[in-house]
Every structure is written in structure tokens, then in C-alpha cells.
Amino acid sequence: MDVLLDILGSANFWAAAIRIATPLIFGVLGALICERAGVLNLGIEGIFVAGAMAGWLAVYLGAGLWGGVLVAALAGAIFGGLHAFLTVILGLSQHVSGIGITLLATSVSYFTYRTALPNVSSPPRIVPFQPVSIPGLTDIPFIGPALFSQTPLTWLAFAAVAFVAFVLYRTPLGLAIRAVGDNPASVDAQGLSVIGLRIGAVVVGSALMALGGAFLTMSAFDAFFFGMVNGRGWICIALVVFASWQPGKALLGALLFGAFDAFQIRLQAEVGQVVPGQVFLMLPYLLSILALVLVARKADYPRALLHPWTRGQRH
């Protein structure tokens, strides 16, 4: 019990939880926007990889950190546009297309890396985003070191949550996006383009997903290496259901998983000699599954999710 209290009472623990949660925040927001518009985007895992590689490579070639962020978002938007073409315009299976995008984006990223750096034995390093200390706020006991010593991309993730929530619930565009995921026939009856709204949502959502990957190479680490995404995209798909497709709950779910992951790392350091390490690695996923099971049964999912749209067709 003392070990548990020591971990939870540490500002460093909560700072680490926020860092771990940041790429998930970008990813779950992107997936949420896609699904609110009625399109499941299982390409998220590959888009994470593409964003991580594209952003890092752009910085390595001299584009600057914020230039790398823009390049990562553009890479995500391109793969999102391809997914939208296959699922929204052609009406193909969203599951199959999404898995195909993941395989394509991952393969293209690894191929580009090997082609651009054929003679490199270890990943080249870049100078990543550095934590920004806010004068006065950083000195607040406990809260300051935990919350106000993060990198700019973490603050961008928090701002994205507020912006997405505002657009979805306070603007006509957000109302149209939510309607197109629930009742596209009503949107079409109002003279709005169902196809256009869905394509836009998938492209923007995929750009946000790619920023999650960019965070890994440009903020959490300083290099790109194979396997670094490590299933974070799939976690985001589950977190969307946990969040009931609401941005505020999506932020909470990402922070919760980040806390679980940070907790297992510290708990392993404390008692890892008597408990197999695999138990600790499973812990955040088991706790996330439990939370998902408790919440998912009451989730109010978009009614037109996974349903392709043809004008004149009613669901």
C-alpha cells in the first residue's frame, strides 16, 4: 500500500502519464471525428507510423520542428483521403480498407526510411521539442511539475480537444458531422453533401492521428525506429468506444491509459524481482479492457457507422 501511495503521490508519475497519453489524445480525437461522420478508420495504426516517420524525416532534412508537424499531418491526410476514396466514394468495406491502409502506410514508411537512409545502422537523432516551463505555474507544488512542464505538442493536444468539442457541439459544421454519422438522409435532405462531409472528416481525423505518431519521434523520442508505435492506434479505436464518441471523455480515457502505463513501469521497478515482467506489461491493457467493458454496453454509437451512403438510400 505504501508503494502504491508513493507512486500516485509523485508529480513525476503524473507528468509521465500525461506524456504517455499525448499521442493517444491525438489518435482518439482523429478516430472520433471519423466515426462521428460514420466512417470507421482502422488505418490508424499505419497512419501513426506514417506520421512518425514523415515528421521525423522532415526535421532531419532541415524542415524545422513545426515544419515536421505539418508534414506529418499532410502524410496522415493523404492516407485518410485514400481511405475516404475507397469507403465513401466507392463504398467498399471500411474494415478491409482500414486494414489495407495500415499495411500500406506502414510499408511505405519503412520503405521510405530505408531508401532515404540506406547506409544507416542506427537511427539518426534530431533535436526534439523541449519541455516548456511556464513561469509561476511551474513552481506550483505537485501540479506545476506534473502539468506545466510538458512539450508544445502536449499543449497542442489539449487545445485540439477543446477545439474539436467546440466545433462538434457549438457550430453548424459540427451538427452536420454528427448528423451525417447518425442519419445521412436528413443531411442530404437539407441540401448538404454527405459524401463531402464524410471525406472532410476522414481527412482531418487522419491528419490528427498522424500527429500522434509525430509526437513519438519529435517529442517523446528523438529518432524513428521500427515498431515504435506498438499498437497505440488500436488502443485509440477502443478508447473511442470508452469515450462514447465525446471529446471530453476521450481525453479522460487517454489520460487513464497513460496513468495505467506509467503505473506499471514504476510498479515493475518496485516489485519486479518477485513478479514476472510480462504481468506488468499486461496491466494497462487489462485495466483498459475492464474499463471498456463497463462503459461500452451503454455507449451511444453513431447509427450510420460502417454504412456506405448512396443518394436516395435510407437507413
Protein backbone atom coordinates (compact mmCIF):
# COMPACT_ATOMS: atom_id res chain seq x y z
CA MET A 1 0.00 0.00 0.00
CA ASP A 2 2.85 2.37 0.80
CA VAL A 3 4.35 1.71 -2.63
CA LEU A 4 1.01 2.49 -4.28
CA LEU A 5 0.63 5.77 -2.39
CA ASP A 6 4.22 6.76 -3.14
CA ILE A 7 3.66 6.23 -6.87
CA LEU A 8 0.31 8.03 -7.04
CA GLY A 9 1.61 10.89 -4.92
CA SER A 10 4.56 11.57 -7.20
CA ALA A 11 4.43 14.56 -9.56
CA ASN A 12 6.84 12.72 -11.88
CA PHE A 13 4.33 9.88 -12.19
CA TRP A 14 1.56 12.20 -13.37
CA ALA A 15 3.91 14.06 -15.70
CA ALA A 16 4.81 10.72 -17.29
CA ALA A 17 1.12 9.75 -17.52
CA ILE A 18 0.38 12.94 -19.47
CA ARG A 19 3.33 12.33 -21.80
CA ILE A 20 2.21 8.76 -22.48
CA ALA A 21 -1.37 9.94 -23.05
CA THR A 22 -0.48 12.70 -25.54
CA PRO A 23 -0.19 10.57 -28.72
CA LEU A 24 -3.36 8.74 -27.67
CA ILE A 25 -5.20 12.06 -27.37
CA PHE A 26 -4.37 12.92 -30.97
CA GLY A 27 -5.28 9.43 -32.15
CA VAL A 28 -8.55 9.10 -30.30
CA LEU A 29 -9.67 12.56 -31.45
CA GLY A 30 -8.91 11.63 -35.05
CA ALA A 31 -10.77 8.34 -34.79
CA LEU A 32 -13.67 10.08 -33.04
CA ILE A 33 -14.08 12.61 -35.87
CA CYS A 34 -14.04 9.85 -38.49
CA GLU A 35 -16.57 7.72 -36.63
CA ARG A 36 -18.83 10.66 -35.81
CA ALA A 37 -19.17 11.05 -39.56
CA GLY A 38 -19.98 7.35 -39.97
CA VAL A 39 -16.58 6.03 -41.13
CA LEU A 40 -14.50 3.55 -39.15
CA ASN A 41 -10.81 4.18 -39.82
CA LEU A 42 -8.76 1.10 -38.97
CA GLY A 43 -5.89 2.64 -40.90
CA ILE A 44 -4.97 4.49 -37.71
CA GLU A 45 -2.06 2.21 -36.78
CA GLY A 46 -0.37 2.72 -40.14
CA ILE A 47 -1.17 6.45 -40.12
CA PHE A 48 0.58 6.69 -36.75
CA VAL A 49 3.67 5.11 -38.33
CA ALA A 50 3.46 7.40 -41.38
CA GLY A 51 3.16 10.49 -39.19
CA ALA A 52 6.07 9.40 -37.02
CA MET A 53 8.36 8.74 -39.97
CA ALA A 54 7.31 11.71 -42.15
CA GLY A 55 7.58 14.24 -39.34
CA TRP A 56 10.94 12.95 -38.15
CA LEU A 57 12.40 12.72 -41.67
CA ALA A 58 11.27 16.27 -42.49
CA VAL A 59 13.02 17.58 -39.37
CA TYR A 60 16.12 15.51 -40.13
CA LEU A 61 16.23 17.04 -43.63
CA GLY A 62 16.01 20.55 -42.19
CA ALA A 63 12.31 21.46 -42.20
CA GLY A 64 12.25 22.50 -38.54
CA LEU A 65 10.09 21.03 -35.80
CA TRP A 66 6.85 22.78 -36.70
CA GLY A 67 7.55 22.06 -40.35
CA GLY A 68 7.82 18.40 -39.38
CA VAL A 69 4.44 18.64 -37.64
CA LEU A 70 2.86 19.99 -40.83
CA VAL A 71 4.49 17.29 -42.96
CA ALA A 72 3.22 14.59 -40.58
CA ALA A 73 -0.31 15.99 -40.73
CA LEU A 74 -0.12 16.09 -44.53
CA ALA A 75 1.00 12.46 -44.65
CA GLY A 76 -1.92 11.47 -42.46
CA ALA A 77 -4.33 13.48 -44.60
CA ILE A 78 -3.11 11.73 -47.76
CA PHE A 79 -3.71 8.26 -46.36
CA GLY A 80 -7.01 9.46 -44.92
CA GLY A 81 -8.00 10.72 -48.36
CA LEU A 82 -7.24 7.30 -49.83
CA HIS A 83 -9.34 5.60 -47.17
CA ALA A 84 -12.18 8.05 -47.82
CA PHE A 85 -11.99 7.41 -51.57
CA LEU A 86 -12.27 3.66 -51.04
CA THR A 87 -15.00 3.72 -48.40
CA VAL A 88 -17.03 6.87 -49.00
CA ILE A 89 -16.89 7.24 -52.78
CA LEU A 90 -16.55 3.58 -53.81
CA GLY A 91 -18.49 2.24 -50.82
CA LEU A 92 -16.02 -0.56 -50.08
CA SER A 93 -15.73 -2.33 -46.73
CA GLN A 94 -14.43 0.05 -44.10
CA HIS A 95 -12.81 -2.82 -42.20
CA VAL A 96 -10.91 -4.15 -45.20
CA SER A 97 -9.91 -0.72 -46.44
CA GLY A 98 -8.70 0.32 -43.00
CA ILE A 99 -6.51 -2.75 -42.57
CA GLY A 100 -5.18 -2.19 -46.09
CA ILE A 101 -4.30 1.43 -45.24
CA THR A 102 -2.46 0.28 -42.12
CA LEU A 103 -0.41 -2.23 -44.13
CA LEU A 104 0.23 0.27 -46.94
CA ALA A 105 1.17 3.20 -44.70
CA THR A 106 3.46 1.07 -42.56
CA SER A 107 5.19 -0.48 -45.58
CA VAL A 108 5.59 2.85 -47.39
CA SER A 109 7.05 4.41 -44.23
CA TYR A 110 9.60 1.66 -43.73
CA PHE A 111 10.48 1.64 -47.44
CA THR A 112 10.95 5.42 -47.44
CA TYR A 113 13.16 5.21 -44.37
CA ARG A 114 15.37 2.53 -45.92
CA THR A 115 15.52 4.36 -49.25
CA ALA A 116 16.35 7.75 -47.75
CA LEU A 117 18.94 6.32 -45.35
CA PRO A 118 20.30 3.14 -46.98
CA ASN A 119 23.63 3.06 -45.14
CA VAL A 120 22.45 3.91 -41.64
CA SER A 121 22.93 1.23 -38.99
CA SER A 122 21.33 3.13 -36.09
CA PRO A 123 18.50 5.70 -36.28
CA PRO A 124 19.84 9.25 -36.72
CA ARG A 125 18.93 11.68 -33.95
CA ILE A 126 17.17 15.02 -34.17
CA VAL A 127 16.70 17.77 -31.59
CA PRO A 128 13.10 17.19 -30.42
CA PHE A 129 10.63 19.57 -28.81
CA GLN A 130 11.75 20.52 -25.33
CA PRO A 131 9.51 20.88 -22.26
CA VAL A 132 8.20 24.42 -21.86
CA SER A 133 8.26 25.74 -18.31
CA ILE A 134 5.59 28.37 -17.65
CA PRO A 135 6.91 30.94 -15.15
CA GLY A 136 4.96 30.93 -11.94
CA LEU A 137 2.79 27.94 -12.84
CA THR A 138 5.72 25.52 -12.97
CA ASP A 139 6.55 26.38 -9.35
CA ILE A 140 3.12 25.35 -8.03
CA PRO A 141 3.68 22.36 -5.72
CA PHE A 142 2.82 18.99 -7.32
CA ILE A 143 0.63 20.42 -10.09
CA GLY A 144 3.40 22.56 -11.58
CA PRO A 145 5.96 19.81 -12.28
CA ALA A 146 3.22 17.40 -13.42
CA LEU A 147 1.23 19.64 -15.74
CA PHE A 148 3.23 22.73 -16.62
CA SER A 149 6.49 21.14 -17.75
CA GLN A 150 5.27 19.49 -20.94
CA THR A 151 6.32 19.94 -24.57
CA PRO A 152 4.36 22.16 -27.02
CA LEU A 153 2.77 19.13 -28.70
CA THR A 154 1.11 18.15 -25.43
CA TRP A 155 -0.43 21.60 -25.18
CA LEU A 156 -1.47 21.30 -28.82
CA ALA A 157 -3.24 18.03 -27.96
CA PHE A 158 -5.16 19.67 -25.11
CA ALA A 159 -6.08 22.58 -27.38
CA ALA A 160 -7.26 20.11 -30.02
CA VAL A 161 -9.66 18.52 -27.53
CA ALA A 162 -11.22 21.90 -26.73
CA PHE A 163 -11.38 22.87 -30.41
CA VAL A 164 -12.96 19.59 -31.55
CA ALA A 165 -15.51 19.73 -28.72
CA PHE A 166 -16.39 23.32 -29.66
CA VAL A 167 -16.77 22.51 -33.36
CA LEU A 168 -18.83 19.35 -32.78
CA TYR A 169 -21.27 20.84 -30.25
CA ARG A 170 -21.29 24.59 -30.88
CA THR A 171 -21.16 25.04 -34.67
CA PRO A 172 -23.39 24.16 -37.66
CA LEU A 173 -20.48 22.19 -39.13
CA GLY A 174 -20.30 20.02 -36.01
CA LEU A 175 -24.05 19.44 -36.12
CA ALA A 176 -23.75 18.36 -39.75
CA ILE A 177 -20.88 15.97 -38.94
CA ARG A 178 -22.82 14.37 -36.10
CA ALA A 179 -25.94 14.15 -38.25
CA VAL A 180 -24.11 12.54 -41.15
CA GLY A 181 -22.97 9.79 -38.78
CA ASP A 182 -26.46 9.22 -37.40
CA ASN A 183 -28.90 10.00 -40.20
CA PRO A 184 -27.24 10.89 -43.51
CA ALA A 185 -30.61 11.04 -45.26
CA SER A 186 -31.60 14.04 -43.13
CA VAL A 187 -28.35 15.80 -44.05
CA ASP A 188 -28.96 15.12 -47.74
CA ALA A 189 -32.49 16.46 -47.39
CA GLN A 190 -31.05 19.74 -46.14
CA GLY A 191 -29.04 20.08 -49.34
CA LEU A 192 -25.68 19.26 -47.74
CA SER A 193 -23.19 16.84 -49.24
CA VAL A 194 -22.99 13.63 -47.24
CA ILE A 195 -20.00 12.47 -49.24
CA GLY A 196 -18.20 15.80 -48.86
CA LEU A 197 -18.71 15.89 -45.09
CA ARG A 198 -17.53 12.33 -44.66
CA ILE A 199 -14.44 12.83 -46.81
CA GLY A 200 -13.55 16.00 -44.92
CA ALA A 201 -13.99 14.31 -41.57
CA VAL A 202 -11.81 11.34 -42.53
CA VAL A 203 -9.05 13.57 -43.94
CA VAL A 204 -8.99 15.86 -40.90
CA GLY A 205 -9.26 12.94 -38.48
CA SER A 206 -6.40 11.13 -40.20
CA ALA A 207 -4.22 14.27 -40.01
CA LEU A 208 -4.80 14.34 -36.25
CA MET A 209 -3.91 10.65 -36.00
CA ALA A 210 -0.60 11.34 -37.74
CA LEU A 211 0.22 13.99 -35.14
CA GLY A 212 0.09 11.22 -32.55
CA GLY A 213 2.86 9.46 -34.44
CA ALA A 214 4.78 12.72 -34.86
CA PHE A 215 4.75 13.18 -31.09
CA LEU A 216 6.61 9.90 -30.66
CA THR A 217 9.55 10.88 -32.88
CA MET A 218 9.60 14.63 -32.26
CA SER A 219 8.76 14.92 -28.58
CA ALA A 220 8.81 11.62 -26.69
CA PHE A 221 11.93 10.36 -28.52
CA ASP A 222 14.41 11.88 -30.95
CA ALA A 223 14.52 9.20 -33.66
CA PHE A 224 12.36 6.90 -35.77
CA PHE A 225 12.65 3.16 -35.32
CA PHE A 226 10.57 0.18 -36.41
CA GLY A 227 7.85 -0.94 -34.03
CA MET A 228 7.77 2.28 -32.04
CA VAL A 229 4.01 2.79 -32.48
CA ASN A 230 3.46 -0.54 -30.70
CA GLY A 231 -0.32 -0.84 -31.05
CA ARG A 232 -1.22 2.68 -29.93
CA GLY A 233 -3.57 3.06 -32.88
CA TRP A 234 -5.62 0.05 -31.84
CA ILE A 235 -5.81 1.40 -28.29
CA CYS A 236 -7.28 4.61 -29.71
CA ILE A 237 -10.03 2.68 -31.50
CA ALA A 238 -11.03 1.12 -28.17
CA LEU A 239 -10.82 4.47 -26.37
CA VAL A 240 -13.34 5.98 -28.78
CA VAL A 241 -15.91 3.45 -27.59
CA PHE A 242 -14.88 4.05 -23.97
CA ALA A 243 -15.43 7.78 -24.56
CA SER A 244 -18.88 7.26 -26.11
CA TRP A 245 -17.66 9.39 -29.04
CA GLN A 246 -17.31 12.50 -26.84
CA PRO A 247 -14.07 14.57 -26.87
CA GLY A 248 -14.04 15.23 -23.12
CA LYS A 249 -14.34 11.56 -22.27
CA ALA A 250 -11.77 10.77 -24.95
CA LEU A 251 -9.28 12.97 -23.10
CA LEU A 252 -10.15 11.21 -19.85
CA GLY A 253 -9.72 7.77 -21.43
CA ALA A 254 -6.32 8.65 -22.88
CA LEU A 255 -5.13 10.03 -19.53
CA LEU A 256 -6.45 6.92 -17.79
CA PHE A 257 -4.49 4.61 -20.08
CA GLY A 258 -1.43 6.83 -19.72
CA ALA A 259 -1.72 6.55 -15.94
CA PHE A 260 -2.06 2.76 -16.16
CA ASP A 261 1.04 2.53 -18.34
CA ALA A 262 3.11 4.88 -16.17
CA PHE A 263 1.96 2.97 -13.11
CA GLN A 264 3.08 -0.42 -14.42
CA ILE A 265 6.52 0.96 -15.24
CA ARG A 266 7.03 2.24 -11.71
CA LEU A 267 5.43 -0.76 -10.06
CA GLN A 268 7.73 -3.05 -12.04
CA ALA A 269 10.73 -1.12 -10.72
CA GLU A 270 9.48 -1.61 -7.15
CA VAL A 271 8.47 -5.29 -7.14
CA GLY A 272 9.73 -6.58 -10.48
CA GLN A 273 12.12 -9.04 -8.84
CA VAL A 274 9.29 -11.17 -7.46
CA VAL A 275 6.68 -10.81 -10.21
CA PRO A 276 7.33 -11.62 -13.91
CA GLY A 277 7.71 -8.51 -16.06
CA GLN A 278 5.05 -9.70 -18.52
CA VAL A 279 2.42 -9.24 -15.81
CA PHE A 280 3.21 -5.56 -15.60
CA LEU A 281 3.20 -5.13 -19.37
CA MET A 282 -0.30 -6.65 -19.49
CA LEU A 283 -1.62 -4.48 -16.65
CA PRO A 284 -2.59 -1.29 -18.58
CA TYR A 285 -4.29 -3.34 -21.30
CA LEU A 286 -6.22 -5.48 -18.82
CA LEU A 287 -7.38 -2.42 -16.89
CA SER A 288 -8.36 -0.71 -20.14
CA ILE A 289 -10.37 -3.75 -21.25
CA LEU A 290 -12.15 -3.76 -17.90
CA ALA A 291 -12.99 -0.07 -18.19
CA LEU A 292 -14.16 -0.61 -21.77
CA VAL A 293 -16.44 -3.49 -20.78
CA LEU A 294 -18.02 -1.42 -18.03
CA VAL A 295 -18.71 1.54 -20.30
CA ALA A 296 -19.27 0.08 -23.79
CA ARG A 297 -22.64 -1.50 -23.05
CA LYS A 298 -24.15 1.96 -22.54
CA ALA A 299 -22.29 3.65 -25.40
CA ASP A 300 -24.46 5.62 -27.82
CA TYR A 301 -22.71 4.86 -31.09
CA PRO A 302 -23.33 6.74 -34.38
CA ARG A 303 -26.22 4.95 -36.05
CA ALA A 304 -24.81 5.15 -39.59
CA LEU A 305 -21.32 3.98 -38.61
CA LEU A 306 -19.98 1.46 -41.19
CA HIS A 307 -22.90 2.14 -43.57
CA PRO A 308 -21.86 3.43 -47.01
CA TRP A 309 -24.04 6.19 -48.43
CA THR A 310 -25.84 6.28 -51.75
CA ARG A 311 -28.08 9.23 -52.52
CA GLY A 312 -31.72 8.33 -52.19
CA GLN A 313 -30.88 5.45 -49.86
CA ARG A 314 -32.34 5.46 -46.34
CA HIS A 315 -31.09 3.52 -43.29
